[in-house]
């Protein structure tokens, strides 16, 4: 996942759906997953050196976390506030890129949590001073995206499973399998919790899936192929779509990708 990927142009109905359940014929029945309507409100600038791993709003400020592939010497594993007028990332904290690859972030209960890719470590910071206050260990083989429902931390690990973690003891309390039409949806990446649903990037795909947290079913799709093509036309070196942030003040969704020249602000039906 942490290498420059060839981005395939996929239609809205194309998913990373693996491991069909051969013993249940009802799971093979195709059903219609509705397309979520949206309108681009504005294309904000985004730093093309940012290898985006996480994006979120906290106290009406936009935050971003980034990773640092070995073959891209200019990248860093840091997190900070994004200036939407310039796209620049004001660094507030970071990791030694020779030891750790930074992944998704989340704020919860006065703390900022920062995942790492393969170190099975989650760094914890004070949410006001951003001083490091601890390091926790997660069970998953890898860490990709992170969000919160206000009670649990929810992380993805590149599979079809979302892991709920109690922030107090950092123990797993729930695992949610994500499916569409009875098929597992693998490569779940950046996450965002919006009004009881989880929105997730799917690695190498130009769409976002909307997940029902009660059963893990995909109940909607944001087809963002047009945004990928627009970003590609401005910077041919872009990597995959990754980064979802919901602003509860405006009700808008902000999306971007690794080294994309823009953060797109969307008014969407939800």
C-alpha atoms as a PDB file:
ATOM      1  CA  UNK A   1       0.000   0.000   0.000  1.00  0.00           C
ATOM      2  CA  UNK A   2       2.871   2.351   0.789  1.00  0.00           C
ATOM      3  CA  UNK A   3       4.374   2.338  -2.642  1.00  0.00           C
ATOM      4  CA  UNK A   4       3.356   4.385  -5.622  1.00  0.00           C
ATOM      5  CA  UNK A   5       0.448   2.530  -7.132  1.00  0.00           C
ATOM      6  CA  UNK A   6      -0.883   2.381 -10.633  1.00  0.00           C
ATOM      7  CA  UNK A   7      -4.348   3.865 -10.286  1.00  0.00           C
ATOM      8  CA  UNK A   8      -6.900   1.975 -12.301  1.00  0.00           C
ATOM      9  CA  UNK A   9      -9.900   3.818 -13.711  1.00  0.00           C
ATOM     10  CA  UNK A  10     -12.846   1.970 -12.240  1.00  0.00           C
ATOM     11  CA  UNK A  11     -16.567   2.511 -12.778  1.00  0.00           C
ATOM     12  CA  UNK A  12     -18.882   3.160  -9.857  1.00  0.00           C
ATOM     13  CA  UNK A  13     -20.030  -0.438  -9.726  1.00  0.00           C
ATOM     14  CA  UNK A  14     -16.517  -1.887  -9.624  1.00  0.00           C
ATOM     15  CA  UNK A  15     -15.334  -2.924  -6.168  1.00  0.00           C
ATOM     16  CA  UNK A  16     -12.529  -4.802  -4.524  1.00  0.00           C
ATOM     17  CA  UNK A  17     -14.901  -7.566  -3.597  1.00  0.00           C
ATOM     18  CA  UNK A  18     -13.251 -10.828  -2.766  1.00  0.00           C
ATOM     19  CA  UNK A  19     -14.051 -14.221  -1.309  1.00  0.00           C
ATOM     20  CA  UNK A  20     -17.665 -14.789  -2.418  1.00  0.00           C
ATOM     21  CA  UNK A  21     -19.609 -17.069  -0.142  1.00  0.00           C
ATOM     22  CA  UNK A  22     -20.018 -20.107  -2.349  1.00  0.00           C
ATOM     23  CA  UNK A  23     -22.342 -21.895   0.046  1.00  0.00           C
ATOM     24  CA  UNK A  24     -25.035 -19.228   0.075  1.00  0.00           C
ATOM     25  CA  UNK A  25     -26.690 -18.566  -3.266  1.00  0.00           C
ATOM     26  CA  UNK A  26     -28.605 -15.588  -1.894  1.00  0.00           C
ATOM     27  CA  UNK A  27     -25.302 -13.774  -1.427  1.00  0.00           C
ATOM     28  CA  UNK A  28     -24.689 -13.923  -5.176  1.00  0.00           C
ATOM     29  CA  UNK A  29     -27.818 -11.947  -5.955  1.00  0.00           C
ATOM     30  CA  UNK A  30     -26.891  -8.475  -7.196  1.00  0.00           C
ATOM     31  CA  UNK A  31     -28.775  -5.597  -5.605  1.00  0.00           C
ATOM     32  CA  UNK A  32     -28.613  -1.934  -6.427  1.00  0.00           C
ATOM     33  CA  UNK A  33     -26.314   0.188  -4.268  1.00  0.00           C
ATOM     34  CA  UNK A  34     -27.413   3.812  -4.704  1.00  0.00           C
ATOM     35  CA  UNK A  35     -25.045   6.445  -5.965  1.00  0.00           C
ATOM     36  CA  UNK A  36     -24.692   9.398  -3.576  1.00  0.00           C
ATOM     37  CA  UNK A  37     -25.317  12.698  -5.305  1.00  0.00           C
ATOM     38  CA  UNK A  38     -22.845  15.517  -4.731  1.00  0.00           C
ATOM     39  CA  UNK A  39     -21.777  18.912  -6.038  1.00  0.00           C
ATOM     40  CA  UNK A  40     -18.289  20.386  -5.935  1.00  0.00           C
ATOM     41  CA  UNK A  41     -18.495  23.603  -3.928  1.00  0.00           C
ATOM     42  CA  UNK A  42     -14.841  24.557  -4.224  1.00  0.00           C
ATOM     43  CA  UNK A  43     -11.427  23.148  -5.111  1.00  0.00           C
ATOM     44  CA  UNK A  44      -9.006  24.255  -2.385  1.00  0.00           C
ATOM     45  CA  UNK A  45      -5.230  24.075  -2.910  1.00  0.00           C
ATOM     46  CA  UNK A  46      -3.363  21.074  -1.466  1.00  0.00           C
ATOM     47  CA  UNK A  47       0.359  20.558  -0.987  1.00  0.00           C
ATOM     48  CA  UNK A  48       1.527  18.108  -3.664  1.00  0.00           C
ATOM     49  CA  UNK A  49       4.302  16.902  -1.347  1.00  0.00           C
ATOM     50  CA  UNK A  50       1.719  15.563   1.112  1.00  0.00           C
ATOM     51  CA  UNK A  51       1.335  11.786   0.868  1.00  0.00           C
ATOM     52  CA  UNK A  52      -2.075  11.905   2.533  1.00  0.00           C
ATOM     53  CA  UNK A  53      -3.002   9.212   5.043  1.00  0.00           C
ATOM     54  CA  UNK A  54      -5.620  10.961   7.166  1.00  0.00           C
ATOM     55  CA  UNK A  55      -7.902  13.984   6.922  1.00  0.00           C
ATOM     56  CA  UNK A  56     -10.387  15.309   9.486  1.00  0.00           C
ATOM     57  CA  UNK A  57     -11.999  18.349  11.042  1.00  0.00           C
ATOM     58  CA  UNK A  58     -11.551  19.110  14.739  1.00  0.00           C
ATOM     59  CA  UNK A  59     -12.903  22.284  16.334  1.00  0.00           C
ATOM     60  CA  UNK A  60     -13.628  23.609  12.838  1.00  0.00           C
ATOM     61  CA  UNK A  61      -9.973  23.223  11.798  1.00  0.00           C
ATOM     62  CA  UNK A  62      -8.802  20.847   9.080  1.00  0.00           C
ATOM     63  CA  UNK A  63      -6.053  18.407  10.055  1.00  0.00           C
ATOM     64  CA  UNK A  64      -4.012  16.093   7.864  1.00  0.00           C
ATOM     65  CA  UNK A  65      -1.580  13.245   8.502  1.00  0.00           C
ATOM     66  CA  UNK A  66       0.946  12.055   5.951  1.00  0.00           C
ATOM     67  CA  UNK A  67       3.185   9.069   5.250  1.00  0.00           C
ATOM     68  CA  UNK A  68       6.693   8.730   3.870  1.00  0.00           C
ATOM     69  CA  UNK A  69       7.421   6.095   1.207  1.00  0.00           C
ATOM     70  CA  UNK A  70      11.108   5.243   0.892  1.00  0.00           C
ATOM     71  CA  UNK A  71      11.121   6.038  -2.835  1.00  0.00           C
ATOM     72  CA  UNK A  72       9.771   9.555  -2.239  1.00  0.00           C
ATOM     73  CA  UNK A  73      12.506  11.338  -0.323  1.00  0.00           C
ATOM     74  CA  UNK A  74      10.523  14.574  -0.019  1.00  0.00           C
ATOM     75  CA  UNK A  75       7.699  12.975   1.983  1.00  0.00           C
ATOM     76  CA  UNK A  76       7.385  12.993   5.784  1.00  0.00           C
ATOM     77  CA  UNK A  77       5.337  11.152   8.405  1.00  0.00           C
ATOM     78  CA  UNK A  78       3.812  14.184  10.101  1.00  0.00           C
ATOM     79  CA  UNK A  79       0.467  15.655  11.106  1.00  0.00           C
ATOM     80  CA  UNK A  80      -0.761  19.227  11.369  1.00  0.00           C
ATOM     81  CA  UNK A  81      -3.333  21.842  10.443  1.00  0.00           C
ATOM     82  CA  UNK A  82      -4.107  22.592   6.819  1.00  0.00           C
ATOM     83  CA  UNK A  83      -4.357  26.185   5.643  1.00  0.00           C
ATOM     84  CA  UNK A  84      -7.181  25.922   3.125  1.00  0.00           C
ATOM     85  CA  UNK A  85      -6.179  29.199   1.486  1.00  0.00           C
ATOM     86  CA  UNK A  86      -2.722  27.870   0.551  1.00  0.00           C
ATOM     87  CA  UNK A  87      -2.960  24.102   1.029  1.00  0.00           C
ATOM     88  CA  UNK A  88       0.123  24.154   3.242  1.00  0.00           C
ATOM     89  CA  UNK A  89       0.380  21.795   6.198  1.00  0.00           C
ATOM     90  CA  UNK A  90       1.439  23.459   9.458  1.00  0.00           C
ATOM     91  CA  UNK A  91       3.367  20.707  11.211  1.00  0.00           C
ATOM     92  CA  UNK A  92       2.331  19.990  14.789  1.00  0.00           C
ATOM     93  CA  UNK A  93       4.012  16.634  15.280  1.00  0.00           C
ATOM     94  CA  UNK A  94       5.706  13.821  13.457  1.00  0.00           C
ATOM     95  CA  UNK A  95       7.640  10.578  13.491  1.00  0.00           C
ATOM     96  CA  UNK A  96      11.121   9.485  12.540  1.00  0.00           C
ATOM     97  CA  UNK A  97      10.560   8.331   8.971  1.00  0.00           C
ATOM     98  CA  UNK A  98      13.464   5.922   9.293  1.00  0.00           C
ATOM     99  CA  UNK A  99      11.527   4.035  11.973  1.00  0.00           C
ATOM    100  CA  UNK A 100       7.838   4.701  11.368  1.00  0.00           C
ATOM    101  CA  UNK A 101       5.397   5.274   8.540  1.00  0.00           C
ATOM    102  CA  UNK A 102       2.620   7.621   9.663  1.00  0.00           C
ATOM    103  CA  UNK A 103      -0.981   6.691   8.951  1.00  0.00           C
ATOM    104  CA  UNK A 104      -4.460   7.867   9.963  1.00  0.00           C
ATOM    105  CA  UNK A 105      -5.238  10.144  12.922  1.00  0.00           C
ATOM    106  CA  UNK A 106      -8.204  10.758  15.194  1.00  0.00           C
ATOM    107  CA  UNK A 107      -9.134  13.062  18.079  1.00  0.00           C
ATOM    108  CA  UNK A 108     -10.932  11.623  21.088  1.00  0.00           C
ATOM    109  CA  UNK A 109     -11.291  12.693  24.727  1.00  0.00           C
ATOM    110  CA  UNK A 110      -8.650  15.392  24.607  1.00  0.00           C
ATOM    111  CA  UNK A 111      -6.087  13.258  22.820  1.00  0.00           C
ATOM    112  CA  UNK A 112      -4.812  12.840  19.277  1.00  0.00           C
ATOM    113  CA  UNK A 113      -4.099   9.290  18.115  1.00  0.00           C
ATOM    114  CA  UNK A 114      -1.703   8.609  15.225  1.00  0.00           C
ATOM    115  CA  UNK A 115      -1.469   5.168  13.646  1.00  0.00           C
ATOM    116  CA  UNK A 116       1.644   3.683  12.100  1.00  0.00           C
ATOM    117  CA  UNK A 117       1.695   1.349   9.116  1.00  0.00           C
ATOM    118  CA  UNK A 118       3.536  -1.837  10.110  1.00  0.00           C
ATOM    119  CA  UNK A 119       5.029  -1.053  13.532  1.00  0.00           C
ATOM    120  CA  UNK A 120       1.793  -2.069  15.320  1.00  0.00           C
ATOM    121  CA  UNK A 121       2.100   1.174  17.257  1.00  0.00           C
ATOM    122  CA  UNK A 122      -0.274   4.070  17.856  1.00  0.00           C
ATOM    123  CA  UNK A 123       1.228   7.299  19.151  1.00  0.00           C
ATOM    124  CA  UNK A 124      -0.797   9.486  21.511  1.00  0.00           C
ATOM    125  CA  UNK A 125      -0.543  13.274  21.882  1.00  0.00           C
ATOM    126  CA  UNK A 126      -2.230  15.921  23.976  1.00  0.00           C
ATOM    127  CA  UNK A 127      -4.903  17.447  21.719  1.00  0.00           C
ATOM    128  CA  UNK A 128      -4.060  21.032  22.734  1.00  0.00           C
ATOM    129  CA  UNK A 129      -0.288  21.131  23.104  1.00  0.00           C
ATOM    130  CA  UNK A 130       0.364  18.203  20.722  1.00  0.00           C
ATOM    131  CA  UNK A 131       3.066  17.013  23.070  1.00  0.00           C
ATOM    132  CA  UNK A 132       3.570  13.223  22.914  1.00  0.00           C
ATOM    133  CA  UNK A 133       2.114  11.465  25.954  1.00  0.00           C
ATOM    134  CA  UNK A 134       2.307   7.780  25.091  1.00  0.00           C
ATOM    135  CA  UNK A 135       2.588   4.930  22.650  1.00  0.00           C
ATOM    136  CA  UNK A 136       0.086   2.078  22.442  1.00  0.00           C
ATOM    137  CA  UNK A 137       0.200  -1.252  20.634  1.00  0.00           C
ATOM    138  CA  UNK A 138      -2.550  -2.495  18.314  1.00  0.00           C
ATOM    139  CA  UNK A 139      -3.181  -6.148  17.425  1.00  0.00           C
ATOM    140  CA  UNK A 140      -3.738  -5.788  13.684  1.00  0.00           C
ATOM    141  CA  UNK A 141      -0.911  -6.651  11.324  1.00  0.00           C
ATOM    142  CA  UNK A 142      -1.099  -3.173   9.771  1.00  0.00           C
ATOM    143  CA  UNK A 143      -2.649   0.207  10.508  1.00  0.00           C
ATOM    144  CA  UNK A 144      -4.236   2.277   7.726  1.00  0.00           C
ATOM    145  CA  UNK A 145      -7.110   4.642   8.523  1.00  0.00           C
ATOM    146  CA  UNK A 146      -8.707   5.828  11.747  1.00  0.00           C
ATOM    147  CA  UNK A 147     -11.879   7.595  12.867  1.00  0.00           C
ATOM    148  CA  UNK A 148     -14.135   7.707  15.926  1.00  0.00           C
ATOM    149  CA  UNK A 149     -17.841   7.497  16.728  1.00  0.00           C
ATOM    150  CA  UNK A 150     -17.266   9.553  19.864  1.00  0.00           C
ATOM    151  CA  UNK A 151     -16.811   6.486  22.062  1.00  0.00           C
ATOM    152  CA  UNK A 152     -14.500   4.079  20.259  1.00  0.00           C
ATOM    153  CA  UNK A 153     -11.544   4.491  17.968  1.00  0.00           C
ATOM    154  CA  UNK A 154     -12.254   2.734  14.662  1.00  0.00           C
ATOM    155  CA  UNK A 155      -9.364   1.612  12.486  1.00  0.00           C
ATOM    156  CA  UNK A 156      -8.865  -0.030   9.123  1.00  0.00           C
ATOM    157  CA  UNK A 157      -5.970  -2.319   8.265  1.00  0.00           C
ATOM    158  CA  UNK A 158      -6.259  -2.839   4.514  1.00  0.00           C
ATOM    159  CA  UNK A 159      -8.683  -5.743   4.812  1.00  0.00           C
ATOM    160  CA  UNK A 160     -12.500  -5.890   4.825  1.00  0.00           C
ATOM    161  CA  UNK A 161     -12.606  -5.605   8.630  1.00  0.00           C
ATOM    162  CA  UNK A 162     -13.008  -2.449  10.713  1.00  0.00           C
ATOM    163  CA  UNK A 163     -11.717  -2.742  14.282  1.00  0.00           C
ATOM    164  CA  UNK A 164     -13.360  -0.906  17.198  1.00  0.00           C
ATOM    165  CA  UNK A 165     -10.972  -0.084  20.053  1.00  0.00           C
ATOM    166  CA  UNK A 166     -11.728   1.109  23.580  1.00  0.00           C
ATOM    167  CA  UNK A 167      -9.440   4.149  24.049  1.00  0.00           C
ATOM    168  CA  UNK A 168      -9.139   3.591  27.805  1.00  0.00           C
ATOM    169  CA  UNK A 169      -7.375   0.241  27.664  1.00  0.00           C
ATOM    170  CA  UNK A 170      -6.785   0.199  23.911  1.00  0.00           C
ATOM    171  CA  UNK A 171      -8.474  -3.188  23.687  1.00  0.00           C
ATOM    172  CA  UNK A 172     -10.544  -4.470  20.791  1.00  0.00           C
ATOM    173  CA  UNK A 173     -14.275  -4.384  21.507  1.00  0.00           C
ATOM    174  CA  UNK A 174     -15.744  -5.159  18.086  1.00  0.00           C
ATOM    175  CA  UNK A 175     -14.814  -6.221  14.559  1.00  0.00           C
ATOM    176  CA  UNK A 176     -17.108  -5.221  11.702  1.00  0.00           C
ATOM    177  CA  UNK A 177     -16.948  -7.054   8.364  1.00  0.00           C
ATOM    178  CA  UNK A 178     -17.796  -4.803   5.421  1.00  0.00           C
ATOM    179  CA  UNK A 179     -19.733  -6.300   2.508  1.00  0.00           C
ATOM    180  CA  UNK A 180     -21.536  -5.249  -0.631  1.00  0.00           C
ATOM    181  CA  UNK A 181     -24.113  -7.599  -2.124  1.00  0.00           C
ATOM    182  CA  UNK A 182     -22.771 -10.425   0.023  1.00  0.00           C
ATOM    183  CA  UNK A 183     -19.149  -9.958  -1.051  1.00  0.00           C
ATOM    184  CA  UNK A 184     -16.352  -8.747   1.187  1.00  0.00           C
ATOM    185  CA  UNK A 185     -14.963  -5.286   0.410  1.00  0.00           C
ATOM    186  CA  UNK A 186     -11.204  -5.374   0.921  1.00  0.00           C
ATOM    187  CA  UNK A 187      -8.597  -2.591   1.021  1.00  0.00           C
ATOM    188  CA  UNK A 188     -10.595  -0.265   3.269  1.00  0.00           C
ATOM    189  CA  UNK A 189      -8.391   2.751   3.853  1.00  0.00           C
ATOM    190  CA  UNK A 190      -9.047   6.296   5.168  1.00  0.00           C
ATOM    191  CA  UNK A 191     -12.184   6.520   7.315  1.00  0.00           C
ATOM    192  CA  UNK A 192     -14.662   9.197   8.400  1.00  0.00           C
ATOM    193  CA  UNK A 193     -17.647   8.850  10.730  1.00  0.00           C
ATOM    194  CA  UNK A 194     -20.646  10.877   9.515  1.00  0.00           C
ATOM    195  CA  UNK A 195     -24.024  10.818  11.257  1.00  0.00           C
ATOM    196  CA  UNK A 196     -23.918   7.164  12.264  1.00  0.00           C
ATOM    197  CA  UNK A 197     -22.266   5.871   9.087  1.00  0.00           C
ATOM    198  CA  UNK A 198     -18.639   5.246   8.195  1.00  0.00           C
ATOM    199  CA  UNK A 199     -17.337   6.578   4.894  1.00  0.00           C
ATOM    200  CA  UNK A 200     -14.248   4.776   3.600  1.00  0.00           C
ATOM    201  CA  UNK A 201     -11.778   5.135   0.775  1.00  0.00           C
ATOM    202  CA  UNK A 202     -11.079   1.853  -0.985  1.00  0.00           C
ATOM    203  CA  UNK A 203      -7.415   1.618  -1.950  1.00  0.00           C
ATOM    204  CA  UNK A 204      -6.788   2.155  -5.701  1.00  0.00           C
ATOM    205  CA  UNK A 205     -10.463   2.984  -6.307  1.00  0.00           C
ATOM    206  CA  UNK A 206     -11.864   6.388  -7.163  1.00  0.00           C
ATOM    207  CA  UNK A 207     -14.912   6.053  -5.000  1.00  0.00           C
ATOM    208  CA  UNK A 208     -15.927   6.194  -1.352  1.00  0.00           C
ATOM    209  CA  UNK A 209     -18.247   3.639   0.216  1.00  0.00           C
ATOM    210  CA  UNK A 210     -20.848   4.499   2.853  1.00  0.00           C
ATOM    211  CA  UNK A 211     -21.048   1.742   5.496  1.00  0.00           C
ATOM    212  CA  UNK A 212     -23.934   0.919   7.815  1.00  0.00           C
ATOM    213  CA  UNK A 213     -22.295   0.454  11.212  1.00  0.00           C
ATOM    214  CA  UNK A 214     -25.091  -1.856  12.377  1.00  0.00           C
ATOM    215  CA  UNK A 215     -24.276  -4.631   9.892  1.00  0.00           C
ATOM    216  CA  UNK A 216     -21.294  -3.568   7.772  1.00  0.00           C
ATOM    217  CA  UNK A 217     -23.311  -3.321   4.566  1.00  0.00           C
ATOM    218  CA  UNK A 218     -22.319  -0.776   1.923  1.00  0.00           C
ATOM    219  CA  UNK A 219     -25.419   1.376   1.473  1.00  0.00           C
ATOM    220  CA  UNK A 220     -24.118   4.072  -0.851  1.00  0.00           C
ATOM    221  CA  UNK A 221     -21.280   5.030  -3.177  1.00  0.00           C
ATOM    222  CA  UNK A 222     -19.628   8.369  -3.895  1.00  0.00           C
ATOM    223  CA  UNK A 223     -18.272   8.064  -7.426  1.00  0.00           C
ATOM    224  CA  UNK A 224     -15.352  10.521  -7.566  1.00  0.00           C
ATOM    225  CA  UNK A 225     -13.794   9.447 -10.850  1.00  0.00           C
ATOM    226  CA  UNK A 226     -14.189  12.975 -12.180  1.00  0.00           C
ATOM    227  CA  UNK A 227     -12.193  14.422  -9.299  1.00  0.00           C
ATOM    228  CA  UNK A 228      -9.359  11.979  -9.908  1.00  0.00           C
ATOM    229  CA  UNK A 229      -9.228  12.949 -13.585  1.00  0.00           C
ATOM    230  CA  UNK A 230      -9.232  16.641 -12.667  1.00  0.00           C
ATOM    231  CA  UNK A 231      -6.393  16.151 -10.162  1.00  0.00           C
ATOM    232  CA  UNK A 232      -4.433  14.051 -12.671  1.00  0.00           C
ATOM    233  CA  UNK A 233      -4.730  16.776 -15.293  1.00  0.00           C
ATOM    234  CA  UNK A 234      -3.035  19.211 -12.877  1.00  0.00           C
ATOM    235  CA  UNK A 235      -0.351  16.887 -11.509  1.00  0.00           C
ATOM    236  CA  UNK A 236       0.448  13.716 -13.421  1.00  0.00           C
ATOM    237  CA  UNK A 237       2.433  12.366 -10.458  1.00  0.00           C
ATOM    238  CA  UNK A 238      -0.552  11.969  -8.145  1.00  0.00           C
ATOM    239  CA  UNK A 239      -1.169   8.717  -6.333  1.00  0.00           C
ATOM    240  CA  UNK A 240      -4.407   7.190  -5.070  1.00  0.00           C
ATOM    241  CA  UNK A 241      -7.446   8.941  -3.678  1.00  0.00           C
ATOM    242  CA  UNK A 242      -7.189   9.062   0.113  1.00  0.00           C
ATOM    243  CA  UNK A 243      -8.538  11.540   2.625  1.00  0.00           C
ATOM    244  CA  UNK A 244     -12.095  12.160   3.843  1.00  0.00           C
ATOM    245  CA  UNK A 245     -13.052  14.943   6.265  1.00  0.00           C
ATOM    246  CA  UNK A 246     -16.576  15.932   7.293  1.00  0.00           C
ATOM    247  CA  UNK A 247     -17.186  19.479   8.486  1.00  0.00           C
ATOM    248  CA  UNK A 248     -20.230  19.385  10.811  1.00  0.00           C
ATOM    249  CA  UNK A 249     -20.527  23.176  10.651  1.00  0.00           C
ATOM    250  CA  UNK A 250     -21.069  23.376   6.886  1.00  0.00           C
ATOM    251  CA  UNK A 251     -22.245  19.792   6.393  1.00  0.00           C
ATOM    252  CA  UNK A 252     -19.724  19.468   3.577  1.00  0.00           C
ATOM    253  CA  UNK A 253     -17.284  16.671   2.827  1.00  0.00           C
ATOM    254  CA  UNK A 254     -13.646  17.422   1.988  1.00  0.00           C
ATOM    255  CA  UNK A 255     -11.781  14.824  -0.077  1.00  0.00           C
ATOM    256  CA  UNK A 256      -8.303  14.564  -1.557  1.00  0.00           C
ATOM    257  CA  UNK A 257      -5.555  12.093  -2.419  1.00  0.00           C
ATOM    258  CA  UNK A 258      -1.863  11.446  -2.078  1.00  0.00           C
ATOM    259  CA  UNK A 259       0.036  14.346  -3.671  1.00  0.00           C
ATOM    260  CA  UNK A 260      -3.174  15.741  -5.166  1.00  0.00           C
ATOM    261  CA  UNK A 261      -3.083  19.457  -6.033  1.00  0.00           C
ATOM    262  CA  UNK A 262      -6.551  20.052  -4.587  1.00  0.00           C
ATOM    263  CA  UNK A 263      -8.785  19.304  -1.647  1.00  0.00           C
ATOM    264  CA  UNK A 264     -12.321  19.175  -3.023  1.00  0.00           C
ATOM    265  CA  UNK A 265     -15.172  20.513  -0.909  1.00  0.00           C
ATOM    266  CA  UNK A 266     -18.405  18.666  -1.646  1.00  0.00           C
ATOM    267  CA  UNK A 267     -22.012  19.349  -0.808  1.00  0.00           C
ATOM    268  CA  UNK A 268     -23.497  15.860  -0.725  1.00  0.00           C
ATOM    269  CA  UNK A 269     -26.724  14.044   0.041  1.00  0.00           C
ATOM    270  CA  UNK A 270     -26.391  12.188   3.349  1.00  0.00           C
END
